[in-house]
Amino acid sequence: TRILSGLASKHGLGVTLLALSWHEMNRFELNTFHYNVVIDACTKTAAWMKALTFLDVMGYKAAGLDRVTFNAAISNCEKCGEWQKALELFSVMSQASVECDTITVSATIS
C-alpha cells in the first residue's frame, strides 16, 4: 500500500493504475486501502468517472467501502462540478451505514 501511495503522489493516476493492474495480474490481494489510493489519485486529476468506476469495482469485489473511500469520491465529484453525483454518493454512504464526518458534509454541500 505504501508503494502504491508513493507512486500515486509522485507519478499520478496513470502509473498508479498500471501498478494496480500489475498487482491484480499477479494475484495480489487488493483491499480497501489500495482502492482508496487510486480514488484519491483520481481526485487529484479530476477523473471523477474513474473514481466512481472504482467504487463499483470495490463493491463488486467486496473490498469494503469506508468513510475515506466515500470522502475521496465525493470530493472528486465536488471538485469537478458534479454535485448531483456527490449527493448521490452521500445517499449511498448513508444507506451503506457508513458514518459521515465534517469532510463528507463539507464536500457534499460545497
PDB file of N, CA and C in Angstrom:
ATOM      1  N   THR A   1       0.826  -1.192   0.000  1.00  0.00           N
ATOM      2  CA  THR A   1       0.000   0.000   0.000  1.00  0.00           C
ATOM      3  C   THR A   1       0.868   1.254   0.000  1.00  0.00           C
ATOM      4  N   ARG A   2       1.953   1.238   0.769  1.00  0.00           N
ATOM      5  CA  ARG A   2       2.845   2.407   0.805  1.00  0.00           C
ATOM      6  C   ARG A   2       3.475   2.662  -0.554  1.00  0.00           C
ATOM      7  N   ILE A   3       3.825   1.598  -1.250  1.00  0.00           N
ATOM      8  CA  ILE A   3       4.435   1.750  -2.573  1.00  0.00           C
ATOM      9  C   ILE A   3       3.434   2.357  -3.541  1.00  0.00           C
ATOM     10  N   LEU A   4       2.216   1.846  -3.539  1.00  0.00           N
ATOM     11  CA  LEU A   4       1.171   2.367  -4.417  1.00  0.00           C
ATOM     12  C   LEU A   4       0.874   3.825  -4.096  1.00  0.00           C
ATOM     13  N   SER A   5       0.839   4.154  -2.831  1.00  0.00           N
ATOM     14  CA  SER A   5       0.606   5.535  -2.402  1.00  0.00           C
ATOM     15  C   SER A   5       1.735   6.447  -2.859  1.00  0.00           C
ATOM     16  N   GLY A   6       2.959   5.968  -2.750  1.00  0.00           N
ATOM     17  CA  GLY A   6       4.113   6.745  -3.209  1.00  0.00           C
ATOM     18  C   GLY A   6       4.080   6.971  -4.708  1.00  0.00           C
ATOM     19  N   LEU A   7       3.698   5.942  -5.463  1.00  0.00           N
ATOM     20  CA  LEU A   7       3.565   6.087  -6.917  1.00  0.00           C
ATOM     21  C   LEU A   7       2.497   7.119  -7.257  1.00  0.00           C
ATOM     22  N   ALA A   8       1.394   7.067  -6.548  1.00  0.00           N
ATOM     23  CA  ALA A   8       0.292   7.996  -6.811  1.00  0.00           C
ATOM     24  C   ALA A   8       0.729   9.436  -6.578  1.00  0.00           C
ATOM     25  N   SER A   9       1.447   9.679  -5.492  1.00  0.00           N
ATOM     26  CA  SER A   9       1.833  11.058  -5.190  1.00  0.00           C
ATOM     27  C   SER A   9       2.948  11.571  -6.092  1.00  0.00           C
ATOM     28  N   LYS A  10       3.832  10.687  -6.544  1.00  0.00           N
ATOM     29  CA  LYS A  10       4.956  11.133  -7.374  1.00  0.00           C
ATOM     30  C   LYS A  10       4.683  11.080  -8.871  1.00  0.00           C
ATOM     31  N   HIS A  11       3.862  10.106  -9.301  1.00  0.00           N
ATOM     32  CA  HIS A  11       3.710   9.878 -10.740  1.00  0.00           C
ATOM     33  C   HIS A  11       2.285  10.007 -11.259  1.00  0.00           C
ATOM     34  N   GLY A  12       1.323  10.173 -10.385  1.00  0.00           N
ATOM     35  CA  GLY A  12      -0.041  10.412 -10.823  1.00  0.00           C
ATOM     36  C   GLY A  12      -0.864   9.162 -11.095  1.00  0.00           C
ATOM     37  N   LEU A  13      -2.012   9.407 -11.680  1.00  0.00           N
ATOM     38  CA  LEU A  13      -3.010   8.369 -11.865  1.00  0.00           C
ATOM     39  C   LEU A  13      -2.583   7.276 -12.832  1.00  0.00           C
ATOM     40  N   GLY A  14      -1.986   7.629 -13.944  1.00  0.00           N
ATOM     41  CA  GLY A  14      -1.617   6.636 -14.955  1.00  0.00           C
ATOM     42  C   GLY A  14      -0.713   5.552 -14.414  1.00  0.00           C
ATOM     43  N   VAL A  15       0.340   5.939 -13.743  1.00  0.00           N
ATOM     44  CA  VAL A  15       1.283   4.962 -13.179  1.00  0.00           C
ATOM     45  C   VAL A  15       0.609   4.174 -12.053  1.00  0.00           C
ATOM     46  N   THR A  16      -0.240   4.837 -11.292  1.00  0.00           N
ATOM     47  CA  THR A  16      -0.956   4.155 -10.212  1.00  0.00           C
ATOM     48  C   THR A  16      -1.860   3.065 -10.769  1.00  0.00           C
ATOM     49  N   LEU A  17      -2.558   3.367 -11.858  1.00  0.00           N
ATOM     50  CA  LEU A  17      -3.430   2.364 -12.486  1.00  0.00           C
ATOM     51  C   LEU A  17      -2.624   1.197 -13.051  1.00  0.00           C
ATOM     52  N   LEU A  18      -1.463   1.495 -13.628  1.00  0.00           N
ATOM     53  CA  LEU A  18      -0.590   0.418 -14.122  1.00  0.00           C
ATOM     54  C   LEU A  18      -0.131  -0.487 -12.981  1.00  0.00           C
ATOM     55  N   ALA A  19       0.244   0.129 -11.876  1.00  0.00           N
ATOM     56  CA  ALA A  19       0.698  -0.651 -10.717  1.00  0.00           C
ATOM     57  C   ALA A  19      -0.445  -1.504 -10.161  1.00  0.00           C
ATOM     58  N   LEU A  20      -1.642  -0.934 -10.099  1.00  0.00           N
ATOM     59  CA  LEU A  20      -2.788  -1.686  -9.609  1.00  0.00           C
ATOM     60  C   LEU A  20      -3.080  -2.876 -10.532  1.00  0.00           C
ATOM     61  N   SER A  21      -3.010  -2.651 -11.834  1.00  0.00           N
ATOM     62  CA  SER A  21      -3.228  -3.732 -12.803  1.00  0.00           C
ATOM     63  C   SER A  21      -2.184  -4.827 -12.633  1.00  0.00           C
ATOM     64  N   TRP A  22      -0.942  -4.424 -12.431  1.00  0.00           N
ATOM     65  CA  TRP A  22       0.133  -5.399 -12.232  1.00  0.00           C
ATOM     66  C   TRP A  22      -0.157  -6.253 -10.995  1.00  0.00           C
ATOM     67  N   HIS A  23      -0.590  -5.598  -9.919  1.00  0.00           N
ATOM     68  CA  HIS A  23      -0.923  -6.331  -8.696  1.00  0.00           C
ATOM     69  C   HIS A  23      -2.044  -7.338  -8.955  1.00  0.00           C
ATOM     70  N   GLU A  24      -3.066  -6.911  -9.692  1.00  0.00           N
ATOM     71  CA  GLU A  24      -4.182  -7.806  -9.986  1.00  0.00           C
ATOM     72  C   GLU A  24      -3.725  -8.985 -10.852  1.00  0.00           C
ATOM     73  N   MET A  25      -2.921  -8.710 -11.878  1.00  0.00           N
ATOM     74  CA  MET A  25      -2.447  -9.778 -12.762  1.00  0.00           C
ATOM     75  C   MET A  25      -1.588 -10.791 -12.022  1.00  0.00           C
ATOM     76  N   ASN A  26      -0.875 -10.333 -11.021  1.00  0.00           N
ATOM     77  CA  ASN A  26      -0.014 -11.219 -10.243  1.00  0.00           C
ATOM     78  C   ASN A  26      -0.717 -11.757  -9.000  1.00  0.00           C
ATOM     79  N   ARG A  27      -2.012 -11.603  -8.983  1.00  0.00           N
ATOM     80  CA  ARG A  27      -2.901 -12.160  -7.964  1.00  0.00           C
ATOM     81  C   ARG A  27      -2.598 -11.702  -6.536  1.00  0.00           C
ATOM     82  N   PHE A  28      -2.153 -10.448  -6.409  1.00  0.00           N
ATOM     83  CA  PHE A  28      -2.018  -9.877  -5.076  1.00  0.00           C
ATOM     84  C   PHE A  28      -3.420  -9.563  -4.571  1.00  0.00           C
ATOM     85  N   GLU A  29      -3.637  -9.744  -3.315  1.00  0.00           N
ATOM     86  CA  GLU A  29      -4.942  -9.436  -2.746  1.00  0.00           C
ATOM     87  C   GLU A  29      -5.029  -7.928  -2.507  1.00  0.00           C
ATOM     88  N   LEU A  30      -5.966  -7.306  -3.187  1.00  0.00           N
ATOM     89  CA  LEU A  30      -6.160  -5.863  -3.045  1.00  0.00           C
ATOM     90  C   LEU A  30      -7.253  -5.605  -2.017  1.00  0.00           C
ATOM     91  N   ASN A  31      -7.051  -4.547  -1.245  1.00  0.00           N
ATOM     92  CA  ASN A  31      -8.030  -4.233  -0.212  1.00  0.00           C
ATOM     93  C   ASN A  31      -8.488  -2.774  -0.314  1.00  0.00           C
ATOM     94  N   THR A  32      -9.260  -2.360   0.642  1.00  0.00           N
ATOM     95  CA  THR A  32      -9.819  -1.004   0.668  1.00  0.00           C
ATOM     96  C   THR A  32      -8.731   0.049   0.532  1.00  0.00           C
ATOM     97  N   PHE A  33      -7.625  -0.136   1.195  1.00  0.00           N
ATOM     98  CA  PHE A  33      -6.559   0.860   1.175  1.00  0.00           C
ATOM     99  C   PHE A  33      -5.990   1.050  -0.228  1.00  0.00           C
ATOM    100  N   HIS A  34      -5.819  -0.040  -0.970  1.00  0.00           N
ATOM    101  CA  HIS A  34      -5.306   0.055  -2.340  1.00  0.00           C
ATOM    102  C   HIS A  34      -6.256   0.874  -3.211  1.00  0.00           C
ATOM    103  N   TYR A  35      -7.535   0.549  -3.122  1.00  0.00           N
ATOM    104  CA  TYR A  35      -8.516   1.272  -3.938  1.00  0.00           C
ATOM    105  C   TYR A  35      -8.665   2.728  -3.499  1.00  0.00           C
ATOM    106  N   ASN A  36      -8.531   2.975  -2.203  1.00  0.00           N
ATOM    107  CA  ASN A  36      -8.604   4.360  -1.724  1.00  0.00           C
ATOM    108  C   ASN A  36      -7.478   5.203  -2.316  1.00  0.00           C
ATOM    109  N   VAL A  37      -6.298   4.623  -2.455  1.00  0.00           N
ATOM    110  CA  VAL A  37      -5.171   5.335  -3.072  1.00  0.00           C
ATOM    111  C   VAL A  37      -5.514   5.711  -4.506  1.00  0.00           C
ATOM    112  N   VAL A  38      -6.112   4.772  -5.234  1.00  0.00           N
ATOM    113  CA  VAL A  38      -6.471   5.035  -6.628  1.00  0.00           C
ATOM    114  C   VAL A  38      -7.554   6.103  -6.711  1.00  0.00           C
ATOM    115  N   ILE A  39      -8.561   6.019  -5.852  1.00  0.00           N
ATOM    116  CA  ILE A  39      -9.630   7.029  -5.868  1.00  0.00           C
ATOM    117  C   ILE A  39      -9.070   8.397  -5.513  1.00  0.00           C
ATOM    118  N   ASP A  40      -8.150   8.442  -4.570  1.00  0.00           N
ATOM    119  CA  ASP A  40      -7.505   9.715  -4.227  1.00  0.00           C
ATOM    120  C   ASP A  40      -6.708  10.254  -5.413  1.00  0.00           C
ATOM    121  N   ALA A  41      -6.019   9.396  -6.128  1.00  0.00           N
ATOM    122  CA  ALA A  41      -5.279   9.820  -7.328  1.00  0.00           C
ATOM    123  C   ALA A  41      -6.247  10.342  -8.389  1.00  0.00           C
ATOM    124  N   CYS A  42      -7.417   9.744  -8.480  1.00  0.00           N
ATOM    125  CA  CYS A  42      -8.446  10.238  -9.411  1.00  0.00           C
ATOM    126  C   CYS A  42      -8.856  11.650  -9.038  1.00  0.00           C
ATOM    127  N   THR A  43      -8.965  11.920  -7.754  1.00  0.00           N
ATOM    128  CA  THR A  43      -9.361  13.243  -7.282  1.00  0.00           C
ATOM    129  C   THR A  43      -8.336  14.295  -7.701  1.00  0.00           C
ATOM    130  N   LYS A  44      -7.076  13.940  -7.634  1.00  0.00           N
ATOM    131  CA  LYS A  44      -6.019  14.897  -7.981  1.00  0.00           C
ATOM    132  C   LYS A  44      -5.964  15.200  -9.468  1.00  0.00           C
ATOM    133  N   THR A  45      -6.586  14.351 -10.283  1.00  0.00           N
ATOM    134  CA  THR A  45      -6.580  14.574 -11.730  1.00  0.00           C
ATOM    135  C   THR A  45      -7.979  14.863 -12.274  1.00  0.00           C
ATOM    136  N   ALA A  46      -8.928  15.107 -11.390  1.00  0.00           N
ATOM    137  CA  ALA A  46     -10.313  15.414 -11.770  1.00  0.00           C
ATOM    138  C   ALA A  46     -10.938  14.302 -12.614  1.00  0.00           C
ATOM    139  N   ALA A  47     -10.606  13.077 -12.302  1.00  0.00           N
ATOM    140  CA  ALA A  47     -11.134  11.930 -13.043  1.00  0.00           C
ATOM    141  C   ALA A  47     -12.288  11.313 -12.255  1.00  0.00           C
ATOM    142  N   TRP A  48     -13.370  12.073 -12.105  1.00  0.00           N
ATOM    143  CA  TRP A  48     -14.476  11.638 -11.254  1.00  0.00           C
ATOM    144  C   TRP A  48     -15.142  10.365 -11.767  1.00  0.00           C
ATOM    145  N   MET A  49     -15.220  10.186 -13.083  1.00  0.00           N
ATOM    146  CA  MET A  49     -15.854   8.980 -13.613  1.00  0.00           C
ATOM    147  C   MET A  49     -15.039   7.728 -13.273  1.00  0.00           C
ATOM    148  N   LYS A  50     -13.708   7.841 -13.320  1.00  0.00           N
ATOM    149  CA  LYS A  50     -12.847   6.710 -12.936  1.00  0.00           C
ATOM    150  C   LYS A  50     -13.028   6.404 -11.449  1.00  0.00           C
ATOM    151  N   ALA A  51     -13.132   7.445 -10.630  1.00  0.00           N
ATOM    152  CA  ALA A  51     -13.334   7.235  -9.195  1.00  0.00           C
ATOM    153  C   ALA A  51     -14.622   6.458  -8.944  1.00  0.00           C
ATOM    154  N   LEU A  52     -15.693   6.815  -9.656  1.00  0.00           N
ATOM    155  CA  LEU A  52     -16.958   6.110  -9.487  1.00  0.00           C
ATOM    156  C   LEU A  52     -16.857   4.674  -9.986  1.00  0.00           C
ATOM    157  N   THR A  53     -16.077   4.459 -11.022  1.00  0.00           N
ATOM    158  CA  THR A  53     -15.851   3.100 -11.523  1.00  0.00           C
ATOM    159  C   THR A  53     -15.171   2.253 -10.451  1.00  0.00           C
ATOM    160  N   PHE A  54     -14.195   2.831  -9.778  1.00  0.00           N
ATOM    161  CA  PHE A  54     -13.502   2.078  -8.726  1.00  0.00           C
ATOM    162  C   PHE A  54     -14.407   1.823  -7.525  1.00  0.00           C
ATOM    163  N   LEU A  55     -15.346   2.728  -7.250  1.00  0.00           N
ATOM    164  CA  LEU A  55     -16.333   2.451  -6.202  1.00  0.00           C
ATOM    165  C   LEU A  55     -17.143   1.208  -6.571  1.00  0.00           C
ATOM    166  N   ASP A  56     -17.548   1.128  -7.840  1.00  0.00           N
ATOM    167  CA  ASP A  56     -18.288  -0.049  -8.300  1.00  0.00           C
ATOM    168  C   ASP A  56     -17.440  -1.310  -8.185  1.00  0.00           C
ATOM    169  N   VAL A  57     -16.189  -1.219  -8.593  1.00  0.00           N
ATOM    170  CA  VAL A  57     -15.282  -2.376  -8.520  1.00  0.00           C
ATOM    171  C   VAL A  57     -15.134  -2.827  -7.069  1.00  0.00           C
ATOM    172  N   MET A  58     -14.986  -1.864  -6.181  1.00  0.00           N
ATOM    173  CA  MET A  58     -14.837  -2.206  -4.773  1.00  0.00           C
ATOM    174  C   MET A  58     -16.073  -2.937  -4.254  1.00  0.00           C
ATOM    175  N   GLY A  59     -17.245  -2.445  -4.629  1.00  0.00           N
ATOM    176  CA  GLY A  59     -18.480  -3.096  -4.204  1.00  0.00           C
ATOM    177  C   GLY A  59     -18.580  -4.506  -4.770  1.00  0.00           C
ATOM    178  N   TYR A  60     -18.198  -4.654  -6.038  1.00  0.00           N
ATOM    179  CA  TYR A  60     -18.236  -5.959  -6.705  1.00  0.00           C
ATOM    180  C   TYR A  60     -17.274  -6.948  -6.056  1.00  0.00           C
ATOM    181  N   LYS A  61     -16.105  -6.467  -5.675  1.00  0.00           N
ATOM    182  CA  LYS A  61     -15.082  -7.344  -5.087  1.00  0.00           C
ATOM    183  C   LYS A  61     -15.187  -7.420  -3.570  1.00  0.00           C
ATOM    184  N   ALA A  62     -16.206  -6.784  -3.020  1.00  0.00           N
ATOM    185  CA  ALA A  62     -16.410  -6.755  -1.564  1.00  0.00           C
ATOM    186  C   ALA A  62     -15.168  -6.247  -0.847  1.00  0.00           C
ATOM    187  N   ALA A  63     -14.574  -5.196  -1.403  1.00  0.00           N
ATOM    188  CA  ALA A  63     -13.349  -4.646  -0.824  1.00  0.00           C
ATOM    189  C   ALA A  63     -13.623  -3.759   0.383  1.00  0.00           C
ATOM    190  N   GLY A  64     -14.859  -3.460   0.653  1.00  0.00           N
ATOM    191  CA  GLY A  64     -15.186  -2.687   1.846  1.00  0.00           C
ATOM    192  C   GLY A  64     -15.087  -1.189   1.644  1.00  0.00           C
ATOM    193  N   LEU A  65     -16.207  -0.593   1.335  1.00  0.00           N
ATOM    194  CA  LEU A  65     -16.256   0.859   1.180  1.00  0.00           C
ATOM    195  C   LEU A  65     -16.257   1.484   2.571  1.00  0.00           C
ATOM    196  N   ASP A  66     -15.383   2.438   2.795  1.00  0.00           N
ATOM    197  CA  ASP A  66     -15.331   3.095   4.096  1.00  0.00           C
ATOM    198  C   ASP A  66     -15.472   4.608   3.933  1.00  0.00           C
ATOM    199  N   ARG A  67     -15.399   5.319   5.036  1.00  0.00           N
ATOM    200  CA  ARG A  67     -15.570   6.768   5.018  1.00  0.00           C
ATOM    201  C   ARG A  67     -14.515   7.435   4.130  1.00  0.00           C
ATOM    202  N   VAL A  68     -13.291   6.957   4.186  1.00  0.00           N
ATOM    203  CA  VAL A  68     -12.216   7.521   3.360  1.00  0.00           C
ATOM    204  C   VAL A  68     -12.550   7.361   1.884  1.00  0.00           C
ATOM    205  N   THR A  69     -13.060   6.188   1.518  1.00  0.00           N
ATOM    206  CA  THR A  69     -13.439   5.917   0.135  1.00  0.00           C
ATOM    207  C   THR A  69     -14.502   6.903  -0.332  1.00  0.00           C
ATOM    208  N   PHE A  70     -15.566   7.014   0.444  1.00  0.00           N
ATOM    209  CA  PHE A  70     -16.654   7.914   0.071  1.00  0.00           C
ATOM    210  C   PHE A  70     -16.210   9.371   0.067  1.00  0.00           C
ATOM    211  N   ASN A  71     -15.429   9.771   1.062  1.00  0.00           N
ATOM    212  CA  ASN A  71     -14.973  11.165   1.112  1.00  0.00           C
ATOM    213  C   ASN A  71     -14.152  11.520  -0.125  1.00  0.00           C
ATOM    214  N   ALA A  72     -13.271  10.624  -0.527  1.00  0.00           N
ATOM    215  CA  ALA A  72     -12.448  10.884  -1.711  1.00  0.00           C
ATOM    216  C   ALA A  72     -13.320  10.981  -2.962  1.00  0.00           C
ATOM    217  N   ALA A  73     -14.274  10.076  -3.103  1.00  0.00           N
ATOM    218  CA  ALA A  73     -15.143  10.096  -4.279  1.00  0.00           C
ATOM    219  C   ALA A  73     -16.056  11.317  -4.287  1.00  0.00           C
ATOM    220  N   ILE A  74     -16.614  11.661  -3.132  1.00  0.00           N
ATOM    221  CA  ILE A  74     -17.481  12.847  -3.033  1.00  0.00           C
ATOM    222  C   ILE A  74     -16.675  14.109  -3.330  1.00  0.00           C
ATOM    223  N   SER A  75     -15.478  14.203  -2.765  1.00  0.00           N
ATOM    224  CA  SER A  75     -14.613  15.369  -3.030  1.00  0.00           C
ATOM    225  C   SER A  75     -14.279  15.466  -4.508  1.00  0.00           C
ATOM    226  N   ASN A  76     -14.018  14.332  -5.131  1.00  0.00           N
ATOM    227  CA  ASN A  76     -13.706  14.297  -6.549  1.00  0.00           C
ATOM    228  C   ASN A  76     -14.871  14.851  -7.361  1.00  0.00           C
ATOM    229  N   CYS A  77     -16.074  14.374  -7.076  1.00  0.00           N
ATOM    230  CA  CYS A  77     -17.262  14.860  -7.792  1.00  0.00           C
ATOM    231  C   CYS A  77     -17.473  16.354  -7.556  1.00  0.00           C
ATOM    232  N   GLU A  78     -17.301  16.774  -6.321  1.00  0.00           N
ATOM    233  CA  GLU A  78     -17.489  18.190  -5.977  1.00  0.00           C
ATOM    234  C   GLU A  78     -16.506  19.072  -6.732  1.00  0.00           C
ATOM    235  N   LYS A  79     -15.247  18.667  -6.796  1.00  0.00           N
ATOM    236  CA  LYS A  79     -14.226  19.462  -7.483  1.00  0.00           C
ATOM    237  C   LYS A  79     -14.460  19.543  -8.984  1.00  0.00           C
ATOM    238  N   CYS A  80     -15.161  18.560  -9.522  1.00  0.00           N
ATOM    239  CA  CYS A  80     -15.453  18.532 -10.963  1.00  0.00           C
ATOM    240  C   CYS A  80     -16.822  19.131 -11.282  1.00  0.00           C
ATOM    241  N   GLY A  81     -17.493  19.696 -10.287  1.00  0.00           N
ATOM    242  CA  GLY A  81     -18.800  20.307 -10.506  1.00  0.00           C
ATOM    243  C   GLY A  81     -19.925  19.298 -10.651  1.00  0.00           C
ATOM    244  N   GLU A  82     -19.682  18.070 -10.260  1.00  0.00           N
ATOM    245  CA  GLU A  82     -20.691  17.008 -10.355  1.00  0.00           C
ATOM    246  C   GLU A  82     -21.421  16.872  -9.020  1.00  0.00           C
ATOM    247  N   TRP A  83     -22.109  17.951  -8.610  1.00  0.00           N
ATOM    248  CA  TRP A  83     -22.742  17.974  -7.297  1.00  0.00           C
ATOM    249  C   TRP A  83     -23.866  16.958  -7.179  1.00  0.00           C
ATOM    250  N   GLN A  84     -24.549  16.643  -8.293  1.00  0.00           N
ATOM    251  CA  GLN A  84     -25.608  15.635  -8.233  1.00  0.00           C
ATOM    252  C   GLN A  84     -25.022  14.268  -7.856  1.00  0.00           C
ATOM    253  N   LYS A  85     -23.877  13.945  -8.446  1.00  0.00           N
ATOM    254  CA  LYS A  85     -23.201  12.676  -8.124  1.00  0.00           C
ATOM    255  C   LYS A  85     -22.726  12.683  -6.675  1.00  0.00           C
ATOM    256  N   ALA A  86     -22.243  13.840  -6.210  1.00  0.00           N
ATOM    257  CA  ALA A  86     -21.799  13.947  -4.815  1.00  0.00           C
ATOM    258  C   ALA A  86     -22.964  13.671  -3.869  1.00  0.00           C
ATOM    259  N   LEU A  87     -24.124  14.236  -4.167  1.00  0.00           N
ATOM    260  CA  LEU A  87     -25.309  13.988  -3.339  1.00  0.00           C
ATOM    261  C   LEU A  87     -25.739  12.526  -3.403  1.00  0.00           C
ATOM    262  N   GLU A  88     -25.637  11.947  -4.579  1.00  0.00           N
ATOM    263  CA  GLU A  88     -25.980  10.536  -4.747  1.00  0.00           C
ATOM    264  C   GLU A  88     -25.062   9.653  -3.894  1.00  0.00           C
ATOM    265  N   LEU A  89     -23.768   9.956  -3.931  1.00  0.00           N
ATOM    266  CA  LEU A  89     -22.813   9.193  -3.122  1.00  0.00           C
ATOM    267  C   LEU A  89     -23.076   9.368  -1.630  1.00  0.00           C
ATOM    268  N   PHE A  90     -23.444  10.590  -1.239  1.00  0.00           N
ATOM    269  CA  PHE A  90     -23.783  10.857   0.161  1.00  0.00           C
ATOM    270  C   PHE A  90     -24.956   9.971   0.590  1.00  0.00           C
ATOM    271  N   SER A  91     -25.933   9.834  -0.281  1.00  0.00           N
ATOM    272  CA  SER A  91     -27.094   8.987  -0.004  1.00  0.00           C
ATOM    273  C   SER A  91     -26.689   7.515   0.080  1.00  0.00           C
ATOM    274  N   VAL A  92     -25.856   7.068  -0.856  1.00  0.00           N
ATOM    275  CA  VAL A  92     -25.374   5.676  -0.849  1.00  0.00           C
ATOM    276  C   VAL A  92     -24.579   5.403   0.424  1.00  0.00           C
ATOM    277  N   MET A  93     -23.790   6.370   0.826  1.00  0.00           N
ATOM    278  CA  MET A  93     -22.993   6.238   2.045  1.00  0.00           C
ATOM    279  C   MET A  93     -23.903   5.996   3.243  1.00  0.00           C
ATOM    280  N   SER A  94     -24.975   6.758   3.318  1.00  0.00           N
ATOM    281  CA  SER A  94     -25.928   6.608   4.412  1.00  0.00           C
ATOM    282  C   SER A  94     -26.600   5.236   4.368  1.00  0.00           C
ATOM    283  N   GLN A  95     -26.996   4.813   3.166  1.00  0.00           N
ATOM    284  CA  GLN A  95     -27.641   3.502   3.012  1.00  0.00           C
ATOM    285  C   GLN A  95     -26.703   2.357   3.381  1.00  0.00           C
ATOM    286  N   ALA A  96     -25.411   2.568   3.163  1.00  0.00           N
ATOM    287  CA  ALA A  96     -24.414   1.539   3.483  1.00  0.00           C
ATOM    288  C   ALA A  96     -23.996   1.583   4.951  1.00  0.00           C
ATOM    289  N   SER A  97     -24.639   2.461   5.721  1.00  0.00           N
ATOM    290  CA  SER A  97     -24.348   2.616   7.152  1.00  0.00           C
ATOM    291  C   SER A  97     -22.908   3.005   7.428  1.00  0.00           C
ATOM    292  N   VAL A  98     -22.354   3.835   6.532  1.00  0.00           N
ATOM    293  CA  VAL A  98     -21.012   4.379   6.733  1.00  0.00           C
ATOM    294  C   VAL A  98     -21.186   5.768   7.325  1.00  0.00           C
ATOM    295  N   GLU A  99     -20.588   5.997   8.483  1.00  0.00           N
ATOM    296  CA  GLU A  99     -20.737   7.284   9.160  1.00  0.00           C
ATOM    297  C   GLU A  99     -20.043   8.393   8.386  1.00  0.00           C
ATOM    298  N   CYS A 100     -20.713   9.529   8.283  1.00  0.00           N
ATOM    299  CA  CYS A 100     -20.082  10.677   7.650  1.00  0.00           C
ATOM    300  C   CYS A 100     -19.382  11.518   8.712  1.00  0.00           C
ATOM    301  N   ASP A 101     -18.524  12.411   8.256  1.00  0.00           N
ATOM    302  CA  ASP A 101     -17.840  13.333   9.153  1.00  0.00           C
ATOM    303  C   ASP A 101     -17.919  14.732   8.550  1.00  0.00           C
ATOM    304  N   THR A 102     -17.204  15.685   9.119  1.00  0.00           N
ATOM    305  CA  THR A 102     -17.264  17.048   8.610  1.00  0.00           C
ATOM    306  C   THR A 102     -16.712  17.160   7.189  1.00  0.00           C
ATOM    307  N   ILE A 103     -15.752  16.320   6.857  1.00  0.00           N
ATOM    308  CA  ILE A 103     -15.204  16.324   5.485  1.00  0.00           C
ATOM    309  C   ILE A 103     -16.290  15.898   4.496  1.00  0.00           C
ATOM    310  N   THR A 104     -17.037  14.861   4.851  1.00  0.00           N
ATOM    311  CA  THR A 104     -18.114  14.370   3.997  1.00  0.00           C
ATOM    312  C   THR A 104     -19.152  15.456   3.751  1.00  0.00           C
ATOM    313  N   VAL A 105     -19.615  16.048   4.824  1.00  0.00           N
ATOM    314  CA  VAL A 105     -20.664  17.065   4.712  1.00  0.00           C
ATOM    315  C   VAL A 105     -20.169  18.283   3.975  1.00  0.00           C
ATOM    316  N   SER A 106     -18.963  18.723   4.291  1.00  0.00           N
ATOM    317  CA  SER A 106     -18.387  19.905   3.628  1.00  0.00           C
ATOM    318  C   SER A 106     -18.250  19.696   2.126  1.00  0.00           C
ATOM    319  N   ALA A 107     -17.728  18.544   1.719  1.00  0.00           N
ATOM    320  CA  ALA A 107     -17.551  18.256   0.296  1.00  0.00           C
ATOM    321  C   ALA A 107     -18.899  18.126  -0.402  1.00  0.00           C
ATOM    322  N   THR A 108     -19.873  17.577   0.281  1.00  0.00           N
ATOM    323  CA  THR A 108     -21.175  17.366  -0.329  1.00  0.00           C
ATOM    324  C   THR A 108     -21.907  18.685  -0.566  1.00  0.00           C
ATOM    325  N   ILE A 109     -21.783  19.634   0.353  1.00  0.00           N
ATOM    326  CA  ILE A 109     -22.540  20.880   0.209  1.00  0.00           C
ATOM    327  C   ILE A 109     -21.753  21.996  -0.456  1.00  0.00           C
ATOM    328  N   SER A 110     -20.502  21.760  -0.784  1.00  0.00           N
ATOM    329  CA  SER A 110     -19.687  22.812  -1.406  1.00  0.00           C
ATOM    330  C   SER A 110     -20.180  23.176  -2.782  1.00  0.00           C
TER     331      SER A 110
END
